[in-house]
Amino acid sequence: MSDTIICVADDVGVRVWLERVLEPDWNLELVSSSDLSRVSRLVQATGAAVVIVAIDENEASRALKVFSAVQKSCPEAHLVGVSQRISQDLLLNIMRAGARDCLITGVDADSARERVARVASVAAPARGASSRAINSNITIVTAASPVVDTRFFGQNFVHELSESQKDKSILALDSGSDPNRTFYFDNLNRLTLNDLVSRGDNVDRTFVETALEEFSPGLRLLSGQLDSKALEGDAGADLYITITQLASLFDHLVIRVEADHLGGWLRALGSDVSNIMLLTHPAVDQIQSSDDIIKHASDWVSERCRVFVIVDGFEKKSNLSLSDAEKTLGRSCDLLIPIEWRYRLDAINAGIPISLLPAKTQYEKSLRSFVRKQFIEKEKGFSSLILKRASA
């Protein structure tokens, strides 16, 4: 069962009340009732078993339309109403429309969590095999500070991932790129992430394959220039829907996220994030910031999400030793990559992965070893475990 609850509410007071009484136990996706298509697509994308709909006595027909739209598009979802006050006639009408319960904000604060949990527990088996399968295929590449070059790491990581899994399809998304660029690669696609989000309709494989050319076999690039407003409210819901659709079309979706926007992306995607690649320089302030980011991320991602700490520009003779950095983090660093500035510049200026340079580098060697260990061998081991369980 999904641990997400969709809350359709326009009133700020109702939204705040729902967050206060329910958020400790569930991830709440708040969306307005202005676009019924968005509501339905969000329920489908999240696989939410419970949808809570705010009811305004002065505009009761709007809530009834939401109930009807969700019932038609997602009949397995269980509906709950919430209102500041409600008449007996309106209560009967929403029950006829499919509501399993109705919460009154002024009197039900203490019992709301238990009542929603009861509805969710009944909804869980009803969803059964038809509920959305959660694929662990979304990786976020971000940094402890805006000065860390996640573009360079991102382009080399996705290329190495693609080269190591030639039978897999990968989409590399740069959410804060310049026009016609993805990382430091040239991207001549006319379509951007902003365009996909604003389309508001389904994104299928045929459309993506037509709109996005392959950079190399199995690897496609997508650029975006999303600001912080695109990560909030209804815009954040639209982003979640688009990302979920894209993730279903590819074996792996890698998203480069600006350091300043990480919190918004984590709130938007939540438990669907499967890996976080956190880059940091071997600098005291960035190591401390990394520790804060890891703790903050745990509030939004699931326990299944893997967090990798990558030290970019590592020098053995640095005054800040690796042991000191790991002591501050309270965990080991997963990848140490050198500066090798000359080769970086050559790869950046040529717009190619560092592995395609004539000279062999320690950067390439270290990254390849990391990808094979953490993404290739781990996936093979997980697949073998599934097969063993299936044959037992």
Protein backbone atom coordinates (compact mmCIF):
# COMPACT_ATOMS: atom_id res chain seq x y z
CA MET A 1 0.00 0.00 0.00
CA SER A 2 1.18 3.53 -0.77
CA ASP A 3 2.01 5.62 2.29
CA THR A 4 0.80 8.73 0.43
CA ILE A 5 -2.59 10.37 0.96
CA ILE A 6 -3.96 12.81 -1.59
CA CYS A 7 -5.63 15.84 0.01
CA VAL A 8 -7.81 17.91 -2.32
CA ALA A 9 -8.32 21.23 -0.56
CA ASP A 10 -8.41 24.90 -1.53
CA ASP A 11 -8.82 26.37 1.94
CA VAL A 12 -5.51 27.10 3.69
CA GLY A 13 -7.01 26.46 7.12
CA VAL A 14 -8.14 22.95 6.14
CA ARG A 15 -4.71 22.20 4.61
CA VAL A 16 -2.91 23.28 7.77
CA TRP A 17 -5.27 21.17 9.90
CA LEU A 18 -4.66 18.08 7.75
CA GLU A 19 -0.89 18.56 7.92
CA ARG A 20 -1.02 18.94 11.69
CA VAL A 21 -3.11 15.85 12.44
CA LEU A 22 -2.01 13.44 9.67
CA GLU A 23 1.52 14.26 8.47
CA PRO A 24 3.35 12.39 11.26
CA ASP A 25 1.95 9.13 9.83
CA TRP A 26 1.58 9.78 6.09
CA ASN A 27 3.08 11.73 3.21
CA LEU A 28 0.44 14.25 2.21
CA GLU A 29 0.15 15.41 -1.39
CA LEU A 30 -1.86 18.64 -1.28
CA VAL A 31 -3.62 19.70 -4.48
CA SER A 32 -6.41 22.12 -5.33
CA SER A 33 -9.77 21.14 -6.78
CA SER A 34 -9.46 23.51 -9.75
CA ASP A 35 -8.27 20.80 -12.16
CA LEU A 36 -10.04 17.45 -11.85
CA SER A 37 -7.72 15.88 -14.43
CA ARG A 38 -4.72 16.76 -12.28
CA VAL A 39 -6.37 15.23 -9.21
CA SER A 40 -7.16 11.99 -11.03
CA ARG A 41 -3.68 11.71 -12.55
CA LEU A 42 -2.07 12.36 -9.19
CA VAL A 43 -4.10 9.58 -7.55
CA GLN A 44 -3.10 7.21 -10.35
CA ALA A 45 0.57 8.24 -10.22
CA THR A 46 0.93 7.83 -6.46
CA GLY A 47 -1.17 4.72 -6.11
CA ALA A 48 -2.74 6.38 -3.06
CA ALA A 49 -5.30 4.21 -1.31
CA VAL A 50 -6.98 7.16 0.44
CA VAL A 51 -8.10 10.51 -1.01
CA ILE A 52 -9.34 13.22 1.34
CA VAL A 53 -11.57 15.88 -0.20
CA ALA A 54 -12.36 19.19 1.48
CA ILE A 55 -16.04 20.18 1.47
CA ASP A 56 -17.29 23.76 1.47
CA GLU A 57 -21.01 24.02 2.24
CA ASN A 58 -21.22 27.10 0.01
CA GLU A 59 -19.75 25.18 -2.95
CA ALA A 60 -20.81 21.63 -2.23
CA SER A 61 -21.10 20.73 -5.91
CA ARG A 62 -17.32 21.17 -6.39
CA ALA A 63 -16.52 18.52 -3.77
CA LEU A 64 -19.10 16.16 -5.26
CA LYS A 65 -17.45 16.56 -8.69
CA VAL A 66 -14.08 15.64 -7.16
CA PHE A 67 -15.60 12.55 -5.54
CA SER A 68 -17.11 11.55 -8.87
CA ALA A 69 -13.89 12.13 -10.85
CA VAL A 70 -11.78 10.06 -8.46
CA GLN A 71 -14.39 7.28 -8.35
CA LYS A 72 -14.40 7.00 -12.14
CA SER A 73 -10.63 7.14 -12.71
CA CYS A 74 -9.49 5.22 -9.59
CA PRO A 75 -12.36 3.08 -8.28
CA GLU A 76 -10.03 1.29 -5.81
CA ALA A 77 -9.22 4.52 -3.96
CA HIS A 78 -11.20 5.12 -0.75
CA LEU A 79 -12.64 8.59 -0.23
CA VAL A 80 -12.85 10.65 2.96
CA GLY A 81 -14.42 14.08 3.34
CA VAL A 82 -13.20 16.91 5.57
CA SER A 83 -15.11 20.03 6.45
CA GLN A 84 -15.22 22.82 8.98
CA ARG A 85 -18.94 22.18 9.35
CA ILE A 86 -21.46 20.12 7.41
CA SER A 87 -25.24 19.66 7.30
CA GLN A 88 -26.92 16.29 7.59
CA ASP A 89 -28.21 16.48 3.99
CA LEU A 90 -24.74 17.26 2.58
CA LEU A 91 -23.21 14.48 4.68
CA LEU A 92 -25.68 12.02 3.16
CA ASN A 93 -24.88 13.31 -0.33
CA ILE A 94 -21.13 12.80 0.02
CA MET A 95 -21.68 9.34 1.45
CA ARG A 96 -23.81 8.52 -1.60
CA ALA A 97 -20.94 9.89 -3.73
CA GLY A 98 -18.59 7.30 -2.22
CA ALA A 99 -17.13 8.84 0.95
CA ARG A 100 -16.24 6.32 3.68
CA ASP A 101 -16.03 8.92 6.46
CA CYS A 102 -16.13 12.66 7.03
CA LEU A 103 -13.85 14.57 9.40
CA ILE A 104 -14.95 17.80 11.08
CA THR A 105 -11.94 20.03 11.78
CA GLY A 106 -13.38 21.60 14.91
CA VAL A 107 -14.08 18.35 16.77
CA ASP A 108 -12.20 15.44 15.20
CA ALA A 109 -8.54 16.37 15.69
CA ASP A 110 -7.97 13.61 18.26
CA SER A 111 -9.73 10.84 16.32
CA ALA A 112 -8.82 11.81 12.74
CA ARG A 113 -5.58 9.81 12.55
CA GLU A 114 -7.22 6.61 13.79
CA ARG A 115 -10.23 6.97 11.49
CA VAL A 116 -8.08 7.59 8.39
CA ALA A 117 -5.89 4.62 9.36
CA ARG A 118 -9.03 2.47 9.55
CA VAL A 119 -10.08 3.51 6.04
CA ALA A 120 -6.52 2.94 4.77
CA SER A 121 -6.38 -0.55 6.26
CA VAL A 122 -9.58 -1.50 4.45
CA ALA A 123 -8.32 0.08 1.22
CA ALA A 124 -5.01 -1.81 1.25
CA PRO A 125 -6.26 -5.28 0.25
CA ALA A 126 -8.74 -3.71 -2.18
CA ARG A 127 -5.84 -2.16 -4.12
CA GLY A 128 -4.03 -5.50 -4.19
CA ALA A 129 -2.22 -6.41 -7.38
CA SER A 130 -3.73 -3.48 -9.26
CA SER A 131 -1.85 -0.91 -7.21
CA ARG A 132 1.08 0.88 -8.77
CA ALA A 133 4.36 -0.99 -8.66
CA ILE A 134 7.07 1.21 -7.21
CA ASN A 135 10.22 0.89 -9.29
CA SER A 136 13.47 1.78 -7.57
CA ASN A 137 14.83 3.66 -10.55
CA ILE A 138 14.95 7.37 -9.67
CA THR A 139 18.38 8.75 -8.75
CA ILE A 140 18.97 12.34 -7.67
CA VAL A 141 22.41 13.87 -8.20
CA THR A 142 22.94 16.92 -6.00
CA ALA A 143 25.57 18.69 -3.89
CA ALA A 144 26.30 20.06 -0.46
CA SER A 145 27.02 23.47 -2.01
CA PRO A 146 26.26 25.27 -5.30
CA VAL A 147 30.01 25.51 -6.00
CA VAL A 148 30.32 21.73 -6.46
CA ASP A 149 30.19 20.80 -10.15
CA THR A 150 27.37 18.27 -10.31
CA ARG A 151 27.07 18.79 -14.07
CA PHE A 152 30.41 17.14 -14.71
CA PHE A 153 29.75 14.25 -12.37
CA GLY A 154 26.21 13.84 -13.72
CA GLN A 155 27.27 13.50 -17.34
CA ASN A 156 29.98 10.98 -16.54
CA PHE A 157 27.77 8.99 -14.18
CA VAL A 158 24.91 8.55 -16.68
CA HIS A 159 27.32 7.68 -19.49
CA GLU A 160 29.08 5.06 -17.35
CA LEU A 161 25.72 3.68 -16.22
CA SER A 162 24.62 3.43 -19.85
CA GLU A 163 27.87 1.81 -21.00
CA SER A 164 27.71 -0.74 -18.20
CA GLN A 165 24.07 -1.66 -18.98
CA LYS A 166 23.77 -1.58 -22.75
CA ASP A 167 20.44 -3.40 -22.62
CA LYS A 168 18.90 -0.75 -20.34
CA SER A 169 17.19 2.54 -21.20
CA ILE A 170 18.26 5.64 -19.25
CA LEU A 171 16.90 9.18 -19.15
CA ALA A 172 19.27 11.86 -17.82
CA LEU A 173 17.41 14.96 -16.69
CA ASP A 174 19.22 18.22 -15.90
CA SER A 175 16.65 20.28 -14.00
CA GLY A 176 18.66 23.53 -14.00
CA SER A 177 20.39 23.58 -17.36
CA ASP A 178 21.10 26.28 -19.91
CA PRO A 179 19.15 26.22 -23.21
CA ASN A 180 20.21 23.42 -25.57
CA ARG A 181 22.44 21.89 -22.90
CA THR A 182 22.16 18.88 -20.60
CA PHE A 183 25.09 18.84 -18.19
CA TYR A 184 27.94 19.87 -20.55
CA PHE A 185 26.49 17.86 -23.44
CA ASP A 186 24.90 19.57 -26.45
CA ASN A 187 21.17 18.87 -26.45
CA LEU A 188 19.30 19.81 -29.61
CA ASN A 189 15.92 18.57 -28.37
CA ARG A 190 13.23 21.20 -28.69
CA LEU A 191 11.30 19.62 -25.86
CA THR A 192 12.15 20.49 -22.23
CA LEU A 193 10.96 19.25 -18.85
CA ASN A 194 9.01 22.52 -18.50
CA ASP A 195 7.13 21.67 -21.71
CA LEU A 196 6.28 18.17 -20.47
CA VAL A 197 4.99 19.46 -17.13
CA SER A 198 2.84 22.15 -18.75
CA ARG A 199 1.33 19.71 -21.31
CA GLY A 200 -0.81 18.13 -18.60
CA ASP A 201 -1.47 14.92 -20.53
CA ASN A 202 -0.01 11.44 -20.59
CA VAL A 203 3.56 10.94 -21.74
CA ASP A 204 3.97 7.63 -23.57
CA ARG A 205 6.99 5.80 -25.00
CA THR A 206 6.27 6.71 -28.63
CA PHE A 207 6.10 10.40 -27.77
CA VAL A 208 9.35 10.33 -25.79
CA GLU A 209 11.25 8.36 -28.41
CA THR A 210 10.13 10.79 -31.08
CA ALA A 211 10.83 13.95 -29.07
CA LEU A 212 14.15 12.95 -27.46
CA GLU A 213 17.03 11.77 -29.58
CA GLU A 214 19.51 9.25 -28.18
CA PHE A 215 22.82 10.72 -27.08
CA SER A 216 24.21 7.20 -27.22
CA PRO A 217 22.43 3.83 -27.50
CA GLY A 218 19.92 3.62 -24.66
CA LEU A 219 20.71 7.09 -23.23
CA ARG A 220 18.43 10.07 -23.74
CA LEU A 221 18.83 13.60 -22.40
CA LEU A 222 16.24 16.10 -21.16
CA SER A 223 16.79 19.66 -19.98
CA GLY A 224 14.76 21.89 -17.72
CA GLN A 225 14.90 25.29 -16.09
CA LEU A 226 12.60 24.79 -13.12
CA ASP A 227 12.48 27.43 -10.40
CA SER A 228 11.36 26.97 -6.81
CA LYS A 229 7.70 27.80 -7.65
CA ALA A 230 7.54 24.73 -9.90
CA LEU A 231 8.12 22.54 -6.84
CA GLU A 232 5.20 23.81 -4.78
CA GLY A 233 1.44 23.31 -4.67
CA ASP A 234 -0.36 22.27 -7.85
CA ALA A 235 2.78 22.84 -9.91
CA GLY A 236 4.60 20.38 -7.66
CA ALA A 237 1.78 17.87 -8.21
CA ASP A 238 2.12 18.29 -11.99
CA LEU A 239 5.88 17.76 -11.71
CA TYR A 240 5.36 14.59 -9.68
CA ILE A 241 2.94 13.22 -12.27
CA THR A 242 5.37 13.93 -15.12
CA ILE A 243 8.37 12.44 -13.33
CA THR A 244 6.37 9.33 -12.41
CA GLN A 245 5.32 8.87 -16.03
CA LEU A 246 8.90 9.28 -17.26
CA ALA A 247 10.22 6.85 -14.64
CA SER A 248 7.76 4.21 -15.88
CA LEU A 249 9.18 4.50 -19.42
CA PHE A 250 12.86 4.04 -18.55
CA ASP A 251 14.90 1.51 -16.61
CA HIS A 252 16.68 4.36 -14.84
CA LEU A 253 15.88 8.05 -14.43
CA VAL A 254 18.76 10.26 -13.24
CA ILE A 255 17.91 13.83 -12.19
CA ARG A 256 20.51 16.52 -11.51
CA VAL A 257 19.09 18.86 -8.88
CA GLU A 258 20.54 22.24 -7.92
CA ALA A 259 21.69 22.33 -4.31
CA ASP A 260 19.28 25.16 -3.46
CA HIS A 261 16.29 23.22 -4.85
CA LEU A 262 16.94 19.85 -3.24
CA GLY A 263 14.37 20.31 -0.47
CA GLY A 264 11.64 21.07 -3.00
CA TRP A 265 12.48 18.03 -5.12
CA LEU A 266 12.48 15.75 -2.08
CA ARG A 267 9.06 17.07 -1.07
CA ALA A 268 7.78 16.65 -4.63
CA LEU A 269 9.04 13.08 -5.18
CA GLY A 270 9.24 11.79 -1.60
CA SER A 271 9.41 8.04 -1.22
CA ASP A 272 9.78 7.46 -4.98
CA VAL A 273 13.45 8.49 -4.80
CA SER A 274 15.62 5.37 -4.75
CA ASN A 275 19.14 6.84 -4.73
CA ILE A 276 20.70 10.17 -3.73
CA MET A 277 24.20 10.97 -4.95
CA LEU A 278 25.46 13.75 -2.67
CA LEU A 279 28.65 15.46 -3.88
CA THR A 280 30.88 17.44 -1.56
CA HIS A 281 34.32 18.98 -1.66
CA PRO A 282 36.76 18.00 1.12
CA ALA A 283 35.94 21.25 2.94
CA VAL A 284 34.76 21.48 6.53
CA ASP A 285 31.65 23.59 5.83
CA GLN A 286 30.52 21.31 3.02
CA ILE A 287 31.05 18.15 5.06
CA GLN A 288 28.94 19.69 7.82
CA SER A 289 26.30 20.70 5.27
CA SER A 290 26.28 17.14 3.89
CA ASP A 291 25.50 15.82 7.35
CA ASP A 292 22.53 18.22 7.61
CA ILE A 293 21.27 17.26 4.13
CA ILE A 294 21.38 13.53 4.92
CA LYS A 295 19.38 14.08 8.09
CA HIS A 296 16.85 16.29 6.29
CA ALA A 297 16.46 13.83 3.41
CA SER A 298 15.48 11.04 5.80
CA ASP A 299 12.27 12.97 6.59
CA TRP A 300 11.11 12.64 2.97
CA VAL A 301 12.57 9.50 1.40
CA SER A 302 11.83 5.92 2.32
CA GLU A 303 14.14 3.61 4.25
CA ARG A 304 14.86 1.85 0.95
CA CYS A 305 16.53 4.96 -0.49
CA ARG A 306 20.32 4.70 -0.68
CA VAL A 307 22.38 7.83 0.02
CA PHE A 308 25.90 7.95 -1.41
CA VAL A 309 28.44 10.54 -0.27
CA ILE A 310 30.94 11.39 -3.01
CA VAL A 311 34.03 13.47 -2.25
CA ASP A 312 34.91 15.39 -5.40
CA GLY A 313 38.48 16.69 -5.56
CA PHE A 314 39.83 14.34 -2.91
CA GLU A 315 43.51 14.73 -1.99
CA LYS A 316 45.23 12.28 0.33
CA LYS A 317 47.58 14.97 1.66
CA SER A 318 44.79 17.40 2.53
CA ASN A 319 44.68 18.84 6.05
CA LEU A 320 41.13 17.52 6.30
CA SER A 321 41.69 13.78 6.41
CA LEU A 322 39.16 11.24 5.18
CA SER A 323 38.76 9.86 8.70
CA ASP A 324 37.90 13.34 10.03
CA ALA A 325 35.31 13.84 7.29
CA GLU A 326 33.74 10.46 7.96
CA LYS A 327 33.69 11.14 11.67
CA THR A 328 31.70 14.33 11.08
CA LEU A 329 29.30 12.50 8.77
CA GLY A 330 29.00 9.52 11.08
CA ARG A 331 29.39 7.22 8.08
CA SER A 332 31.92 6.26 5.42
CA CYS A 333 32.29 8.09 2.11
CA ASP A 334 31.29 5.94 -0.86
CA LEU A 335 33.40 7.39 -3.68
CA LEU A 336 36.56 9.49 -3.79
CA ILE A 337 37.34 11.15 -7.11
CA PRO A 338 40.38 13.31 -7.94
CA ILE A 339 40.47 16.77 -9.50
CA GLU A 340 42.52 15.93 -12.63
CA TRP A 341 41.75 19.46 -13.78
CA ARG A 342 43.35 19.22 -17.22
CA TYR A 343 41.26 16.22 -18.21
CA ARG A 344 38.11 17.78 -16.78
CA LEU A 345 38.60 20.87 -18.91
CA ASP A 346 39.23 18.78 -22.01
CA ALA A 347 36.02 16.78 -21.45
CA ILE A 348 33.93 19.88 -20.60
CA ASN A 349 35.14 21.89 -23.61
CA ALA A 350 34.66 18.93 -25.96
CA GLY A 351 31.21 18.14 -24.53
CA ILE A 352 32.05 14.47 -24.04
CA PRO A 353 32.37 12.04 -21.11
CA ILE A 354 35.84 11.86 -19.61
CA SER A 355 36.02 8.18 -20.57
CA LEU A 356 36.10 9.16 -24.27
CA LEU A 357 39.30 11.17 -23.90
CA PRO A 358 42.43 9.54 -25.38
CA ALA A 359 44.13 9.51 -21.97
CA LYS A 360 42.97 7.14 -19.23
CA THR A 361 42.20 8.83 -15.91
CA GLN A 362 41.80 7.87 -12.28
CA TYR A 363 38.43 9.66 -12.34
CA GLU A 364 37.14 7.26 -14.98
CA LYS A 365 38.56 4.21 -13.19
CA SER A 366 37.10 5.15 -9.80
CA LEU A 367 33.66 6.00 -11.22
CA ARG A 368 33.46 2.81 -13.27
CA SER A 369 34.32 0.67 -10.26
CA PHE A 370 31.68 2.48 -8.18
CA VAL A 371 28.93 2.07 -10.81
CA ARG A 372 29.64 -1.62 -11.28
CA LYS A 373 29.72 -2.31 -7.56
CA GLN A 374 26.70 -0.25 -6.48
CA PHE A 375 24.43 -0.45 -9.53
CA ILE A 376 25.35 -3.48 -11.62
CA GLU A 377 26.40 -6.09 -9.07
CA LYS A 378 23.80 -4.98 -6.52
CA GLU A 379 21.00 -5.26 -9.12
CA LYS A 380 22.19 -8.70 -10.20
CA GLY A 381 22.29 -9.81 -6.58
CA PHE A 382 18.77 -8.47 -5.99
CA SER A 383 17.46 -10.23 -9.12
CA SER A 384 19.04 -13.53 -8.01
CA LEU A 385 17.37 -13.17 -4.61
CA ILE A 386 13.96 -12.70 -6.26
CA LEU A 387 14.49 -15.78 -8.43
CA LYS A 388 15.50 -17.88 -5.43
CA ARG A 389 12.41 -16.78 -3.51
CA ALA A 390 10.17 -17.48 -6.51
CA SER A 391 11.56 -20.99 -6.94
CA ALA A 392 11.48 -21.85 -3.23
